[in-house]
Amino acid sequence: MDILFERKSVRKYTGEDVKQEDLNYILRSAMSAPTARNTRCYSFIVVKSKETHRKIAEAHKTAQMILQAPLAILVVGDQNIAYGGYLSQDCAAATQNILLAATAKGYGSVWCGIYSNEERSKAVEKLFNLPENIKAFSIVVIGKSAGDPPPKNGWQPEKIKYEAWK
């Protein structure tokens, strides 16, 4: 499980392609994420087109790193089949699995949020011609890291409480 500590957000890429078998592994990992009542409400759009990358960068100002990367995965959720209000949790679990699987296969990645940002959501949903019930959740940019930034140490024992807040 050391992969949990190795994962880091990568924003600079070499442009080297992601192997198809690695992409399949990453997508299979995403589809192994848990969902409320096993609805599996998530779907994925793999984006390799540089023209589409440019359009994403225009719609999502903090996703400029996509311009260097060979691919991105748009994670979407179907409101018609998501259980209760759990679409965002289900898609978040799939997004996290994508990040961890990319790391396991030697790629860098970064989670670019969409969900709950109304302007960004509308722009991305229009760009991908999503039906009304399909909601854009995140874009995960993936590629070989140009450099080797160290993983962040997230350990903060002061954030841990036992039994109650105090």
N, C-alpha and C. Protein backbone atom coordinates (compact mmCIF):
# COMPACT_ATOMS: atom_id res chain seq x y z
N MET A 1 0.81 -1.20 0.00
CA MET A 1 0.00 0.00 0.00
C MET A 1 0.85 1.27 0.00
N ASP A 2 2.14 1.13 -0.21
CA ASP A 2 2.99 2.32 -0.26
C ASP A 2 2.59 3.28 -1.36
N ILE A 3 1.85 2.79 -2.34
CA ILE A 3 1.40 3.64 -3.45
C ILE A 3 0.60 4.84 -2.93
N LEU A 4 -0.08 4.66 -1.80
CA LEU A 4 -0.84 5.76 -1.20
C LEU A 4 0.06 6.93 -0.82
N PHE A 5 1.29 6.61 -0.43
CA PHE A 5 2.22 7.65 0.00
C PHE A 5 3.08 8.17 -1.15
N GLU A 6 3.11 7.45 -2.25
CA GLU A 6 3.89 7.86 -3.42
C GLU A 6 3.12 8.79 -4.34
N ARG A 7 1.79 8.73 -4.33
CA ARG A 7 0.98 9.55 -5.21
C ARG A 7 1.19 11.03 -4.93
N LYS A 8 1.29 11.80 -5.98
CA LYS A 8 1.44 13.25 -5.85
C LYS A 8 0.80 13.91 -7.05
N SER A 9 0.47 15.16 -6.93
CA SER A 9 -0.10 15.90 -8.05
C SER A 9 1.03 16.35 -8.97
N VAL A 10 0.93 15.95 -10.23
CA VAL A 10 1.95 16.27 -11.23
C VAL A 10 1.35 17.25 -12.23
N ARG A 11 2.07 18.33 -12.49
CA ARG A 11 1.57 19.36 -13.39
C ARG A 11 2.48 19.63 -14.58
N LYS A 12 3.55 18.83 -14.72
CA LYS A 12 4.46 18.95 -15.86
C LYS A 12 4.70 17.56 -16.43
N TYR A 13 4.52 17.45 -17.75
CA TYR A 13 4.58 16.14 -18.40
C TYR A 13 5.54 16.15 -19.57
N THR A 14 6.06 14.96 -19.89
CA THR A 14 6.99 14.82 -21.01
C THR A 14 6.27 14.76 -22.35
N GLY A 15 5.01 14.39 -22.35
CA GLY A 15 4.26 14.21 -23.59
C GLY A 15 4.30 12.78 -24.09
N GLU A 16 5.12 11.93 -23.45
CA GLU A 16 5.19 10.52 -23.83
C GLU A 16 3.82 9.86 -23.66
N ASP A 17 3.44 9.04 -24.64
CA ASP A 17 2.13 8.40 -24.62
C ASP A 17 1.95 7.46 -23.43
N VAL A 18 0.70 7.30 -23.05
CA VAL A 18 0.32 6.30 -22.06
C VAL A 18 0.00 5.02 -22.82
N LYS A 19 0.64 3.93 -22.44
CA LYS A 19 0.41 2.65 -23.11
C LYS A 19 -1.05 2.22 -22.94
N GLN A 20 -1.60 1.63 -23.99
CA GLN A 20 -3.00 1.20 -23.95
C GLN A 20 -3.27 0.22 -22.82
N GLU A 21 -2.34 -0.72 -22.58
CA GLU A 21 -2.57 -1.68 -21.50
C GLU A 21 -2.55 -0.99 -20.13
N ASP A 22 -1.76 0.07 -20.00
CA ASP A 22 -1.76 0.84 -18.75
C ASP A 22 -3.05 1.64 -18.61
N LEU A 23 -3.52 2.21 -19.72
CA LEU A 23 -4.80 2.94 -19.69
C LEU A 23 -5.93 1.98 -19.31
N ASN A 24 -5.92 0.78 -19.86
CA ASN A 24 -6.95 -0.20 -19.51
C ASN A 24 -6.90 -0.53 -18.02
N TYR A 25 -5.70 -0.68 -17.47
CA TYR A 25 -5.53 -0.95 -16.04
C TYR A 25 -6.10 0.21 -15.21
N ILE A 26 -5.80 1.42 -15.63
CA ILE A 26 -6.28 2.61 -14.92
C ILE A 26 -7.80 2.67 -14.95
N LEU A 27 -8.39 2.42 -16.12
CA LEU A 27 -9.85 2.46 -16.23
C LEU A 27 -10.51 1.31 -15.47
N ARG A 28 -9.89 0.15 -15.48
CA ARG A 28 -10.41 -0.98 -14.72
C ARG A 28 -10.38 -0.66 -13.22
N SER A 29 -9.32 0.01 -12.79
CA SER A 29 -9.23 0.44 -11.39
C SER A 29 -10.34 1.42 -11.05
N ALA A 30 -10.60 2.36 -11.96
CA ALA A 30 -11.68 3.33 -11.74
C ALA A 30 -13.01 2.62 -11.58
N MET A 31 -13.23 1.61 -12.40
CA MET A 31 -14.50 0.88 -12.37
C MET A 31 -14.60 -0.08 -11.19
N SER A 32 -13.53 -0.20 -10.44
CA SER A 32 -13.55 -1.02 -9.23
C SER A 32 -13.87 -0.20 -7.99
N ALA A 33 -14.08 1.09 -8.17
CA ALA A 33 -14.39 1.96 -7.03
C ALA A 33 -15.77 1.62 -6.47
N PRO A 34 -15.92 1.78 -5.17
CA PRO A 34 -17.23 1.52 -4.57
C PRO A 34 -18.22 2.62 -4.93
N THR A 35 -19.49 2.25 -4.96
CA THR A 35 -20.57 3.23 -5.16
C THR A 35 -21.71 2.89 -4.20
N ALA A 36 -22.50 3.88 -3.87
CA ALA A 36 -23.65 3.67 -3.00
C ALA A 36 -24.61 2.69 -3.68
N ARG A 37 -24.96 1.66 -2.97
CA ARG A 37 -25.85 0.60 -3.46
C ARG A 37 -25.38 -0.02 -4.77
N ASN A 38 -24.08 0.04 -5.01
CA ASN A 38 -23.46 -0.55 -6.19
C ASN A 38 -24.12 -0.08 -7.50
N THR A 39 -24.48 1.18 -7.55
CA THR A 39 -25.13 1.71 -8.76
C THR A 39 -24.16 1.86 -9.92
N ARG A 40 -22.87 2.01 -9.61
CA ARG A 40 -21.84 2.19 -10.65
C ARG A 40 -22.29 3.29 -11.62
N CYS A 41 -22.62 4.43 -11.04
CA CYS A 41 -23.18 5.55 -11.80
C CYS A 41 -22.14 6.31 -12.60
N TYR A 42 -20.88 5.96 -12.47
CA TYR A 42 -19.82 6.69 -13.16
C TYR A 42 -19.58 6.15 -14.56
N SER A 43 -19.07 7.03 -15.42
CA SER A 43 -18.58 6.69 -16.75
C SER A 43 -17.34 7.53 -16.99
N PHE A 44 -16.61 7.21 -18.07
CA PHE A 44 -15.32 7.85 -18.30
C PHE A 44 -15.16 8.20 -19.77
N ILE A 45 -14.66 9.37 -20.03
CA ILE A 45 -14.35 9.78 -21.40
C ILE A 45 -12.84 10.00 -21.46
N VAL A 46 -12.16 9.20 -22.28
CA VAL A 46 -10.71 9.33 -22.47
C VAL A 46 -10.49 10.38 -23.55
N VAL A 47 -9.66 11.35 -23.24
CA VAL A 47 -9.44 12.47 -24.17
C VAL A 47 -7.96 12.53 -24.54
N LYS A 48 -7.66 12.26 -25.81
CA LYS A 48 -6.29 12.31 -26.32
C LYS A 48 -6.09 13.46 -27.30
N SER A 49 -7.15 13.97 -27.87
CA SER A 49 -7.08 15.01 -28.88
C SER A 49 -6.49 16.30 -28.32
N LYS A 50 -5.43 16.78 -28.96
CA LYS A 50 -4.80 18.04 -28.52
C LYS A 50 -5.77 19.21 -28.68
N GLU A 51 -6.62 19.17 -29.68
CA GLU A 51 -7.62 20.22 -29.87
C GLU A 51 -8.61 20.24 -28.71
N THR A 52 -9.03 19.06 -28.28
CA THR A 52 -9.94 18.99 -27.13
C THR A 52 -9.22 19.40 -25.86
N HIS A 53 -7.94 19.05 -25.73
CA HIS A 53 -7.15 19.49 -24.57
C HIS A 53 -7.14 21.02 -24.51
N ARG A 54 -6.96 21.65 -25.66
CA ARG A 54 -6.95 23.12 -25.71
C ARG A 54 -8.30 23.69 -25.26
N LYS A 55 -9.38 23.07 -25.71
CA LYS A 55 -10.72 23.54 -25.33
C LYS A 55 -10.97 23.33 -23.83
N ILE A 56 -10.47 22.24 -23.29
CA ILE A 56 -10.60 22.00 -21.85
C ILE A 56 -9.84 23.09 -21.09
N ALA A 57 -8.64 23.40 -21.54
CA ALA A 57 -7.82 24.43 -20.88
C ALA A 57 -8.52 25.80 -20.92
N GLU A 58 -9.26 26.06 -21.99
CA GLU A 58 -10.02 27.32 -22.07
C GLU A 58 -11.18 27.33 -21.08
N ALA A 59 -11.85 26.18 -20.93
CA ALA A 59 -13.01 26.09 -20.05
C ALA A 59 -12.63 25.94 -18.58
N HIS A 60 -11.45 25.42 -18.32
CA HIS A 60 -11.00 25.10 -16.96
C HIS A 60 -9.63 25.74 -16.77
N LYS A 61 -9.62 26.95 -16.29
CA LYS A 61 -8.39 27.75 -16.23
C LYS A 61 -7.29 27.15 -15.38
N THR A 62 -7.63 26.30 -14.42
CA THR A 62 -6.58 25.70 -13.59
C THR A 62 -6.13 24.33 -14.12
N ALA A 63 -6.56 23.99 -15.33
CA ALA A 63 -6.16 22.71 -15.94
C ALA A 63 -5.20 22.93 -17.10
N GLN A 64 -4.39 23.95 -17.03
CA GLN A 64 -3.48 24.27 -18.13
C GLN A 64 -2.45 23.18 -18.39
N MET A 65 -2.14 22.37 -17.39
CA MET A 65 -1.16 21.30 -17.56
C MET A 65 -1.61 20.26 -18.58
N ILE A 66 -2.89 20.25 -18.90
CA ILE A 66 -3.41 19.30 -19.89
C ILE A 66 -2.77 19.53 -21.25
N LEU A 67 -2.30 20.73 -21.49
CA LEU A 67 -1.70 21.06 -22.79
C LEU A 67 -0.39 20.29 -23.03
N GLN A 68 0.26 19.83 -21.98
CA GLN A 68 1.51 19.07 -22.09
C GLN A 68 1.28 17.57 -22.03
N ALA A 69 0.14 17.14 -21.56
CA ALA A 69 -0.09 15.72 -21.27
C ALA A 69 -0.64 14.97 -22.48
N PRO A 70 -0.37 13.67 -22.54
CA PRO A 70 -0.88 12.88 -23.65
C PRO A 70 -2.37 12.54 -23.54
N LEU A 71 -2.88 12.51 -22.30
CA LEU A 71 -4.30 12.19 -22.19
C LEU A 71 -4.88 12.68 -20.87
N ALA A 72 -6.19 12.71 -20.86
CA ALA A 72 -6.94 13.02 -19.66
C ALA A 72 -8.17 12.13 -19.64
N ILE A 73 -8.69 11.93 -18.46
CA ILE A 73 -9.92 11.16 -18.30
C ILE A 73 -10.95 12.05 -17.63
N LEU A 74 -12.07 12.24 -18.31
CA LEU A 74 -13.19 12.97 -17.74
C LEU A 74 -14.06 11.96 -17.00
N VAL A 75 -14.27 12.20 -15.71
CA VAL A 75 -15.12 11.34 -14.90
C VAL A 75 -16.48 12.01 -14.82
N VAL A 76 -17.50 11.27 -15.20
CA VAL A 76 -18.87 11.79 -15.18
C VAL A 76 -19.76 10.84 -14.39
N GLY A 77 -20.88 11.36 -13.91
CA GLY A 77 -21.83 10.55 -13.17
C GLY A 77 -23.23 10.74 -13.70
N ASP A 78 -24.01 9.67 -13.68
CA ASP A 78 -25.38 9.68 -14.16
C ASP A 78 -26.33 9.89 -13.00
N GLN A 79 -26.96 11.06 -12.98
CA GLN A 79 -27.89 11.39 -11.89
C GLN A 79 -29.10 10.46 -11.87
N ASN A 80 -29.44 9.90 -13.00
CA ASN A 80 -30.62 9.03 -13.06
C ASN A 80 -30.40 7.69 -12.38
N ILE A 81 -29.16 7.27 -12.23
CA ILE A 81 -28.93 5.97 -11.58
C ILE A 81 -28.17 6.08 -10.27
N ALA A 82 -27.59 7.24 -9.97
CA ALA A 82 -26.89 7.42 -8.69
C ALA A 82 -27.90 7.28 -7.56
N TYR A 83 -27.49 6.63 -6.49
CA TYR A 83 -28.36 6.46 -5.34
C TYR A 83 -28.34 7.73 -4.48
N GLY A 84 -29.51 8.24 -4.17
CA GLY A 84 -29.62 9.41 -3.30
C GLY A 84 -28.76 10.55 -3.79
N GLY A 85 -28.08 11.19 -2.91
CA GLY A 85 -27.20 12.31 -3.24
C GLY A 85 -25.74 11.90 -3.30
N TYR A 86 -25.47 10.65 -3.65
CA TYR A 86 -24.12 10.12 -3.56
C TYR A 86 -23.32 10.15 -4.85
N LEU A 87 -23.80 10.82 -5.88
CA LEU A 87 -23.07 10.88 -7.14
C LEU A 87 -21.66 11.40 -6.94
N SER A 88 -21.50 12.47 -6.18
CA SER A 88 -20.17 13.06 -6.00
C SER A 88 -19.23 12.12 -5.24
N GLN A 89 -19.74 11.41 -4.23
CA GLN A 89 -18.89 10.47 -3.50
C GLN A 89 -18.47 9.31 -4.41
N ASP A 90 -19.41 8.81 -5.20
CA ASP A 90 -19.11 7.69 -6.10
C ASP A 90 -18.05 8.10 -7.12
N CYS A 91 -18.21 9.26 -7.71
CA CYS A 91 -17.24 9.74 -8.71
C CYS A 91 -15.90 10.09 -8.07
N ALA A 92 -15.92 10.56 -6.82
CA ALA A 92 -14.67 10.85 -6.12
C ALA A 92 -13.88 9.57 -5.88
N ALA A 93 -14.56 8.50 -5.52
CA ALA A 93 -13.87 7.23 -5.31
C ALA A 93 -13.23 6.74 -6.62
N ALA A 94 -13.95 6.88 -7.72
CA ALA A 94 -13.40 6.47 -9.02
C ALA A 94 -12.21 7.35 -9.40
N THR A 95 -12.31 8.64 -9.13
CA THR A 95 -11.22 9.57 -9.42
C THR A 95 -9.98 9.20 -8.63
N GLN A 96 -10.15 8.92 -7.35
CA GLN A 96 -9.01 8.54 -6.51
C GLN A 96 -8.37 7.25 -7.02
N ASN A 97 -9.19 6.29 -7.44
CA ASN A 97 -8.63 5.05 -7.99
C ASN A 97 -7.81 5.32 -9.25
N ILE A 98 -8.27 6.24 -10.08
CA ILE A 98 -7.52 6.62 -11.29
C ILE A 98 -6.14 7.16 -10.90
N LEU A 99 -6.12 8.06 -9.93
CA LEU A 99 -4.86 8.66 -9.48
C LEU A 99 -3.89 7.60 -8.95
N LEU A 100 -4.40 6.69 -8.14
CA LEU A 100 -3.55 5.65 -7.56
C LEU A 100 -3.07 4.65 -8.61
N ALA A 101 -3.95 4.27 -9.54
CA ALA A 101 -3.57 3.33 -10.59
C ALA A 101 -2.53 3.95 -11.52
N ALA A 102 -2.69 5.23 -11.84
CA ALA A 102 -1.70 5.91 -12.69
C ALA A 102 -0.34 5.90 -12.00
N THR A 103 -0.31 6.17 -10.71
CA THR A 103 0.94 6.13 -9.95
C THR A 103 1.54 4.74 -9.98
N ALA A 104 0.70 3.73 -9.78
CA ALA A 104 1.18 2.35 -9.78
C ALA A 104 1.82 1.96 -11.10
N LYS A 105 1.36 2.55 -12.19
CA LYS A 105 1.89 2.24 -13.51
C LYS A 105 3.02 3.18 -13.94
N GLY A 106 3.45 4.06 -13.02
CA GLY A 106 4.59 4.92 -13.31
C GLY A 106 4.27 6.25 -13.97
N TYR A 107 3.01 6.66 -13.90
CA TYR A 107 2.61 7.94 -14.50
C TYR A 107 2.33 8.96 -13.40
N GLY A 108 2.45 10.21 -13.79
CA GLY A 108 2.02 11.29 -12.93
C GLY A 108 0.59 11.65 -13.29
N SER A 109 -0.11 12.26 -12.36
CA SER A 109 -1.50 12.64 -12.61
C SER A 109 -1.88 13.80 -11.70
N VAL A 110 -2.97 14.45 -12.06
CA VAL A 110 -3.50 15.50 -11.21
C VAL A 110 -5.02 15.54 -11.38
N TRP A 111 -5.70 15.75 -10.28
CA TRP A 111 -7.16 15.83 -10.23
C TRP A 111 -7.55 17.28 -10.44
N CYS A 112 -8.29 17.55 -11.50
CA CYS A 112 -8.83 18.89 -11.78
C CYS A 112 -10.33 18.83 -11.53
N GLY A 113 -10.76 19.51 -10.48
CA GLY A 113 -12.16 19.45 -10.08
C GLY A 113 -13.09 20.22 -11.00
N ILE A 114 -14.28 19.70 -11.14
CA ILE A 114 -15.33 20.34 -11.94
C ILE A 114 -16.60 20.46 -11.11
N TYR A 115 -17.01 19.36 -10.51
CA TYR A 115 -18.29 19.26 -9.82
C TYR A 115 -18.44 20.35 -8.75
N SER A 116 -19.57 20.92 -8.71
CA SER A 116 -20.02 21.97 -7.80
C SER A 116 -19.55 23.37 -8.20
N ASN A 117 -18.72 23.47 -9.25
CA ASN A 117 -18.38 24.77 -9.81
C ASN A 117 -19.29 24.94 -11.03
N GLU A 118 -20.36 25.69 -10.86
CA GLU A 118 -21.41 25.76 -11.87
C GLU A 118 -20.90 26.22 -13.24
N GLU A 119 -20.10 27.26 -13.26
CA GLU A 119 -19.58 27.78 -14.53
C GLU A 119 -18.72 26.73 -15.24
N ARG A 120 -17.82 26.11 -14.50
CA ARG A 120 -16.94 25.09 -15.05
C ARG A 120 -17.74 23.87 -15.50
N SER A 121 -18.71 23.46 -14.68
CA SER A 121 -19.54 22.30 -15.03
C SER A 121 -20.27 22.52 -16.34
N LYS A 122 -20.90 23.68 -16.47
CA LYS A 122 -21.65 23.98 -17.70
C LYS A 122 -20.74 23.99 -18.91
N ALA A 123 -19.57 24.58 -18.79
CA ALA A 123 -18.64 24.67 -19.92
C ALA A 123 -18.17 23.28 -20.35
N VAL A 124 -17.82 22.43 -19.39
CA VAL A 124 -17.33 21.10 -19.73
C VAL A 124 -18.46 20.23 -20.25
N GLU A 125 -19.63 20.32 -19.64
CA GLU A 125 -20.78 19.53 -20.10
C GLU A 125 -21.18 19.92 -21.52
N LYS A 126 -21.07 21.19 -21.85
CA LYS A 126 -21.36 21.65 -23.21
C LYS A 126 -20.27 21.16 -24.17
N LEU A 127 -19.01 21.28 -23.78
CA LEU A 127 -17.89 20.84 -24.61
C LEU A 127 -18.02 19.38 -25.01
N PHE A 128 -18.46 18.54 -24.07
CA PHE A 128 -18.56 17.10 -24.33
C PHE A 128 -19.96 16.67 -24.73
N ASN A 129 -20.85 17.64 -24.90
CA ASN A 129 -22.21 17.34 -25.36
C ASN A 129 -22.89 16.31 -24.45
N LEU A 130 -22.75 16.52 -23.14
CA LEU A 130 -23.31 15.57 -22.19
C LEU A 130 -24.82 15.76 -22.07
N PRO A 131 -25.57 14.66 -22.00
CA PRO A 131 -27.01 14.78 -21.74
C PRO A 131 -27.25 15.41 -20.38
N GLU A 132 -28.43 15.92 -20.15
CA GLU A 132 -28.74 16.65 -18.91
C GLU A 132 -28.51 15.84 -17.64
N ASN A 133 -28.74 14.52 -17.71
CA ASN A 133 -28.60 13.68 -16.52
C ASN A 133 -27.15 13.30 -16.24
N ILE A 134 -26.23 13.55 -17.18
CA ILE A 134 -24.83 13.20 -16.99
C ILE A 134 -24.07 14.43 -16.51
N LYS A 135 -23.46 14.34 -15.34
CA LYS A 135 -22.78 15.47 -14.72
C LYS A 135 -21.26 15.26 -14.72
N ALA A 136 -20.56 16.27 -15.19
CA ALA A 136 -19.10 16.24 -15.17
C ALA A 136 -18.63 16.37 -13.73
N PHE A 137 -17.73 15.50 -13.32
CA PHE A 137 -17.23 15.53 -11.95
C PHE A 137 -15.78 15.99 -11.87
N SER A 138 -14.89 15.37 -12.65
CA SER A 138 -13.48 15.73 -12.58
C SER A 138 -12.80 15.40 -13.90
N ILE A 139 -11.65 16.01 -14.09
CA ILE A 139 -10.76 15.64 -15.18
C ILE A 139 -9.46 15.23 -14.52
N VAL A 140 -8.98 14.04 -14.87
CA VAL A 140 -7.69 13.59 -14.36
C VAL A 140 -6.71 13.63 -15.52
N VAL A 141 -5.69 14.46 -15.39
CA VAL A 141 -4.65 14.58 -16.40
C VAL A 141 -3.58 13.54 -16.07
N ILE A 142 -3.12 12.81 -17.10
CA ILE A 142 -2.19 11.70 -16.87
C ILE A 142 -1.07 11.74 -17.91
N GLY A 143 0.15 11.47 -17.46
CA GLY A 143 1.29 11.35 -18.36
C GLY A 143 2.56 11.07 -17.57
N LYS A 144 3.65 10.88 -18.30
CA LYS A 144 4.94 10.71 -17.64
C LYS A 144 5.37 12.06 -17.07
N SER A 145 5.78 12.05 -15.83
CA SER A 145 6.18 13.27 -15.15
C SER A 145 7.48 13.82 -15.73
N ALA A 146 7.49 15.13 -15.98
CA ALA A 146 8.71 15.81 -16.42
C ALA A 146 9.37 16.34 -15.15
N GLY A 147 10.14 15.51 -14.52
CA GLY A 147 10.76 15.85 -13.23
C GLY A 147 10.29 14.84 -12.20
N ASP A 148 10.76 14.98 -11.02
CA ASP A 148 10.41 14.05 -9.97
C ASP A 148 10.16 14.78 -8.66
N PRO A 149 9.04 15.51 -8.60
CA PRO A 149 8.75 16.18 -7.34
C PRO A 149 8.48 15.15 -6.25
N PRO A 150 8.94 15.43 -5.04
CA PRO A 150 8.73 14.46 -3.96
C PRO A 150 7.26 14.44 -3.53
N PRO A 151 6.79 13.28 -3.08
CA PRO A 151 5.43 13.24 -2.53
C PRO A 151 5.37 14.10 -1.27
N LYS A 152 4.21 14.62 -0.99
CA LYS A 152 4.03 15.41 0.22
C LYS A 152 3.77 14.48 1.39
N ASN A 153 4.30 14.86 2.54
CA ASN A 153 4.04 14.12 3.75
C ASN A 153 2.76 14.68 4.36
N GLY A 154 1.69 13.92 4.30
CA GLY A 154 0.41 14.41 4.80
C GLY A 154 0.13 14.10 6.26
N TRP A 155 1.07 13.46 6.93
CA TRP A 155 0.85 13.05 8.32
C TRP A 155 0.72 14.25 9.23
N GLN A 156 -0.44 14.38 9.87
CA GLN A 156 -0.71 15.46 10.82
C GLN A 156 -1.48 14.87 12.01
N PRO A 157 -0.78 14.35 12.99
CA PRO A 157 -1.46 13.69 14.11
C PRO A 157 -2.42 14.61 14.86
N GLU A 158 -2.22 15.90 14.79
CA GLU A 158 -3.13 16.83 15.48
C GLU A 158 -4.53 16.82 14.85
N LYS A 159 -4.68 16.23 13.67
CA LYS A 159 -5.98 16.15 13.00
C LYS A 159 -6.77 14.92 13.45
N ILE A 160 -6.19 14.12 14.30
CA ILE A 160 -6.84 12.88 14.73
C ILE A 160 -7.52 13.09 16.08
N LYS A 161 -8.78 12.70 16.15
CA LYS A 161 -9.54 12.73 17.40
C LYS A 161 -10.04 11.31 17.65
N TYR A 162 -10.25 10.97 18.89
CA TYR A 162 -10.78 9.66 19.24
C TYR A 162 -12.08 9.82 19.99
N GLU A 163 -13.07 9.10 19.55
CA GLU A 163 -14.37 8.99 20.18
C GLU A 163 -15.25 10.24 20.05
N ALA A 164 -14.69 11.43 20.16
CA ALA A 164 -15.45 12.67 20.02
C ALA A 164 -14.46 13.78 19.64
N TRP A 165 -14.99 14.96 19.37
CA TRP A 165 -14.13 16.06 18.94
C TRP A 165 -13.11 16.43 20.01
N LYS A 166 -13.51 16.47 21.26
CA LYS A 166 -12.60 16.88 22.34
C LYS A 166 -11.99 15.70 23.01
